[in-house]
């Protein structure tokens, strides 16, 4: 059975390299057509269009995987005809008219107070609080690199609403991080439940489950890829 192409979409405060460990796990499983979008994080429209352009470069079926805000991006971009499914990794899955910021306000996460805007309109996760906020289950050295190389979004992007979420039309999968300090776990559970996913798993993980538990994350992606082709 041929495997679909996989496009990995990162979230706020990180880039495509956040998928490093998952990429290696998927590679070991025989997925040789892997892509990781580098989002501008300037608006949902810009980020979705960047993702659509990558989807359109692929001739065959595509499985989209989104982490964090990347879940909003794949929800917006995933209605391309060759997208066969969507996998959400501790991710936002907004409904029509919903934004990541609006969902966050429904139940504030533990680390909400650790976000700091700068004078140019970008929203940063305070570097000294990055480890405890984003990836408390990683080693301090790895967290330090993530903190220094974080990619801040324009704060206005938080308020950008999804129009017609692809998860309402395509098979979807969801991974909940039960120790997440960036997206409240209860918000994750609610978003997962309403999409009626093909499968949902819960990991005792931080927001950075893609880095702290890449084997389990890759396993869910593998299951989604197999299901979508079956």
Protein backbone atom coordinates (compact mmCIF):
# COMPACT_ATOMS: atom_id res chain seq x y z
CA UNK A 1 0.00 0.00 0.00
CA UNK A 2 1.41 3.39 -0.97
CA UNK A 3 1.83 5.92 1.80
CA UNK A 4 0.43 9.44 1.58
CA UNK A 5 2.64 12.48 1.64
CA UNK A 6 2.71 14.05 5.10
CA UNK A 7 2.81 17.80 5.62
CA UNK A 8 3.71 18.92 9.14
CA UNK A 9 2.53 22.34 10.29
CA UNK A 10 4.09 23.99 13.35
CA UNK A 11 2.48 26.43 15.75
CA UNK A 12 3.33 29.63 17.59
CA UNK A 13 6.74 30.07 19.30
CA UNK A 14 8.42 27.52 17.11
CA UNK A 15 9.26 26.62 13.56
CA UNK A 16 9.35 23.58 11.32
CA UNK A 17 12.30 22.17 13.29
CA UNK A 18 9.99 21.48 16.23
CA UNK A 19 9.00 18.37 14.25
CA UNK A 20 12.58 17.02 14.16
CA UNK A 21 12.04 13.94 16.32
CA UNK A 22 8.69 13.08 14.69
CA UNK A 23 10.28 13.38 11.25
CA UNK A 24 12.92 10.81 12.18
CA UNK A 25 10.29 8.46 13.65
CA UNK A 26 8.16 8.70 10.50
CA UNK A 27 11.22 8.18 8.35
CA UNK A 28 11.92 4.94 10.22
CA UNK A 29 8.37 3.85 9.45
CA UNK A 30 8.93 4.22 5.72
CA UNK A 31 7.36 7.61 5.09
CA UNK A 32 9.73 9.09 2.54
CA UNK A 33 7.63 12.01 1.29
CA UNK A 34 7.68 14.31 4.31
CA UNK A 35 7.33 18.07 4.30
CA UNK A 36 7.39 20.66 7.08
CA UNK A 37 5.91 24.08 6.36
CA UNK A 38 7.68 27.17 7.69
CA UNK A 39 4.84 29.56 8.50
CA UNK A 40 5.24 33.34 8.46
CA UNK A 41 2.96 33.60 11.54
CA UNK A 42 1.67 36.95 10.26
CA UNK A 43 -2.01 36.04 9.87
CA UNK A 44 -4.14 32.93 9.56
CA UNK A 45 -4.78 33.83 5.92
CA UNK A 46 -1.04 34.07 5.18
CA UNK A 47 -0.26 30.85 7.05
CA UNK A 48 -3.10 28.91 5.42
CA UNK A 49 -2.07 30.11 1.98
CA UNK A 50 1.54 29.07 2.58
CA UNK A 51 0.26 25.62 3.56
CA UNK A 52 -2.09 25.38 0.56
CA UNK A 53 0.81 26.15 -1.75
CA UNK A 54 2.76 23.24 -0.31
CA UNK A 55 -0.28 20.95 -0.56
CA UNK A 56 -0.65 21.87 -4.24
CA UNK A 57 2.96 20.90 -4.91
CA UNK A 58 2.04 17.29 -4.05
CA UNK A 59 0.42 15.26 -6.83
CA UNK A 60 -1.06 12.53 -4.63
CA UNK A 61 -2.89 12.23 -1.31
CA UNK A 62 -1.77 14.39 1.61
CA UNK A 63 -2.17 13.90 5.34
CA UNK A 64 -1.96 17.21 7.22
CA UNK A 65 -0.56 17.27 10.76
CA UNK A 66 -0.83 20.41 12.89
CA UNK A 67 0.64 21.24 16.28
CA UNK A 68 -0.80 24.00 18.48
CA UNK A 69 -1.85 26.96 16.26
CA UNK A 70 -0.97 24.72 13.32
CA UNK A 71 -4.28 23.01 14.01
CA UNK A 72 -6.09 26.22 13.07
CA UNK A 73 -3.96 26.42 9.94
CA UNK A 74 -4.79 22.88 8.78
CA UNK A 75 -8.45 23.48 9.62
CA UNK A 76 -8.39 26.48 7.26
CA UNK A 77 -6.16 25.00 4.56
CA UNK A 78 -7.29 21.37 4.64
CA UNK A 79 -10.19 21.58 2.19
CA UNK A 80 -7.82 21.13 -0.74
CA UNK A 81 -9.11 18.12 -2.73
CA UNK A 82 -6.04 15.90 -2.26
CA UNK A 83 -6.05 16.22 1.54
CA UNK A 84 -7.29 12.89 2.87
CA UNK A 85 -7.14 13.56 6.63
CA UNK A 86 -6.00 15.81 9.43
CA UNK A 87 -4.10 15.01 12.62
CA UNK A 88 -4.17 17.47 15.53
CA UNK A 89 -1.29 17.35 18.02
CA UNK A 90 -2.19 19.32 21.19
CA UNK A 91 -3.75 21.71 18.72
CA UNK A 92 -6.44 24.27 18.18
CA UNK A 93 -9.33 22.98 16.09
CA UNK A 94 -11.57 26.05 15.72
CA UNK A 95 -15.06 25.80 14.32
CA UNK A 96 -16.37 28.29 11.77
CA UNK A 97 -16.07 31.79 13.19
CA UNK A 98 -13.83 30.73 16.07
CA UNK A 99 -10.26 31.90 16.65
CA UNK A 100 -7.42 30.45 18.74
CA UNK A 101 -7.65 33.48 21.01
CA UNK A 102 -11.36 33.05 21.56
CA UNK A 103 -10.91 29.38 22.42
CA UNK A 104 -8.07 30.25 24.81
CA UNK A 105 -10.32 32.69 26.68
CA UNK A 106 -12.88 29.96 27.34
CA UNK A 107 -10.44 28.35 29.74
CA UNK A 108 -7.14 30.10 30.26
CA UNK A 109 -4.08 27.84 30.30
CA UNK A 110 -1.60 27.84 33.15
CA UNK A 111 1.04 29.78 31.21
CA UNK A 112 -1.19 32.55 29.83
CA UNK A 113 0.48 35.16 32.06
CA UNK A 114 3.90 34.30 30.61
CA UNK A 115 3.14 35.82 27.19
CA UNK A 116 4.57 39.26 26.52
CA UNK A 117 3.94 41.54 23.52
CA UNK A 118 6.74 43.69 22.15
CA UNK A 119 6.57 47.19 20.68
CA UNK A 120 6.29 45.82 17.14
CA UNK A 121 3.15 43.80 17.81
CA UNK A 122 4.77 40.38 18.16
CA UNK A 123 3.79 38.13 21.05
CA UNK A 124 6.63 36.31 22.81
CA UNK A 125 6.72 33.57 25.40
CA UNK A 126 9.05 34.97 28.06
CA UNK A 127 12.35 33.10 27.55
CA UNK A 128 12.87 32.58 31.29
CA UNK A 129 9.45 30.95 31.52
CA UNK A 130 9.63 28.95 28.30
CA UNK A 131 10.66 25.66 29.90
CA UNK A 132 7.89 25.61 32.51
CA UNK A 133 5.30 26.92 30.04
CA UNK A 134 5.91 25.08 26.78
CA UNK A 135 7.97 21.98 27.38
CA UNK A 136 8.38 21.13 31.07
CA UNK A 137 8.94 17.46 30.19
CA UNK A 138 12.07 18.21 28.11
CA UNK A 139 15.62 18.60 29.35
CA UNK A 140 16.62 22.15 30.30
CA UNK A 141 19.20 22.40 27.49
CA UNK A 142 16.64 21.53 24.83
CA UNK A 143 14.15 23.95 26.34
CA UNK A 144 16.77 26.69 26.35
CA UNK A 145 17.39 26.28 22.63
CA UNK A 146 13.65 26.34 21.95
CA UNK A 147 13.30 29.50 24.03
CA UNK A 148 16.07 31.36 22.23
CA UNK A 149 14.97 30.25 18.74
CA UNK A 150 11.25 30.75 19.33
CA UNK A 151 9.31 32.33 16.47
CA UNK A 152 6.87 34.93 17.75
CA UNK A 153 3.56 35.47 15.93
CA UNK A 154 1.95 38.80 15.31
CA UNK A 155 -0.41 39.07 18.28
CA UNK A 156 -3.31 39.87 15.94
CA UNK A 157 -3.09 36.35 14.49
CA UNK A 158 -4.64 35.02 17.71
CA UNK A 159 -7.90 36.71 16.75
CA UNK A 160 -8.12 35.41 13.18
CA UNK A 161 -11.15 33.15 12.75
CA UNK A 162 -11.41 29.95 10.75
CA UNK A 163 -13.97 30.07 7.94
CA UNK A 164 -14.93 26.50 6.93
CA UNK A 165 -12.96 24.01 9.06
CA UNK A 166 -11.70 21.02 7.12
CA UNK A 167 -12.22 18.72 10.11
CA UNK A 168 -15.96 19.00 9.48
CA UNK A 169 -15.41 17.41 6.06
CA UNK A 170 -12.35 15.15 6.36
CA UNK A 171 -11.38 12.27 8.67
CA UNK A 172 -9.52 13.60 11.70
CA UNK A 173 -7.41 12.39 14.62
CA UNK A 174 -6.52 14.18 17.86
CA UNK A 175 -3.81 13.92 20.51
CA UNK A 176 -4.54 15.56 23.87
CA UNK A 177 -1.67 16.63 26.13
CA UNK A 178 -2.98 16.25 29.67
CA UNK A 179 -0.18 18.36 31.23
CA UNK A 180 -0.38 21.17 28.67
CA UNK A 181 0.29 24.67 30.03
CA UNK A 182 -0.29 26.49 26.71
CA UNK A 183 -3.69 25.14 25.56
CA UNK A 184 -5.84 24.10 28.50
CA UNK A 185 -6.35 20.31 28.40
CA UNK A 186 -10.10 20.77 28.88
CA UNK A 187 -10.21 22.94 25.76
CA UNK A 188 -8.34 20.21 23.90
CA UNK A 189 -10.77 17.55 25.08
CA UNK A 190 -13.74 19.65 24.04
CA UNK A 191 -12.31 20.34 20.58
CA UNK A 192 -11.43 16.68 20.14
CA UNK A 193 -14.87 15.46 21.20
CA UNK A 194 -16.83 17.70 18.90
CA UNK A 195 -14.84 16.72 15.80
CA UNK A 196 -15.75 13.06 16.42
CA UNK A 197 -12.27 11.89 15.47
CA UNK A 198 -11.45 8.48 14.04
CA UNK A 199 -9.20 8.14 17.09
CA UNK A 200 -8.14 10.28 20.02
CA UNK A 201 -5.25 9.60 22.37
CA UNK A 202 -4.21 11.32 25.58
CA UNK A 203 -0.55 11.63 26.51
CA UNK A 204 0.83 12.68 29.88
CA UNK A 205 2.80 15.36 28.09
CA UNK A 206 3.51 19.06 27.91
CA UNK A 207 2.44 21.25 25.02
CA UNK A 208 5.58 20.02 23.24
CA UNK A 209 4.42 16.40 22.97
CA UNK A 210 5.88 16.29 19.46
CA UNK A 211 9.32 16.64 21.08
CA UNK A 212 8.82 14.82 24.39
CA UNK A 213 6.82 11.83 23.08
CA UNK A 214 7.64 11.61 19.36
CA UNK A 215 7.13 7.84 19.17
CA UNK A 216 3.52 8.05 20.38
CA UNK A 217 2.85 11.06 18.14
CA UNK A 218 4.36 9.28 15.12
CA UNK A 219 2.28 6.21 15.93
CA UNK A 220 -0.94 8.24 15.77
CA UNK A 221 0.15 9.80 12.48
CA UNK A 222 0.98 6.33 11.13
CA UNK A 223 -2.45 5.04 12.13
CA UNK A 224 -4.08 8.03 10.42
CA UNK A 225 -2.05 7.46 7.27
CA UNK A 226 -3.02 3.78 7.19
CA UNK A 227 -6.69 4.50 7.90
CA UNK A 228 -6.88 7.17 5.26
CA UNK A 229 -5.51 4.80 2.64
CA UNK A 230 -7.59 1.83 3.72
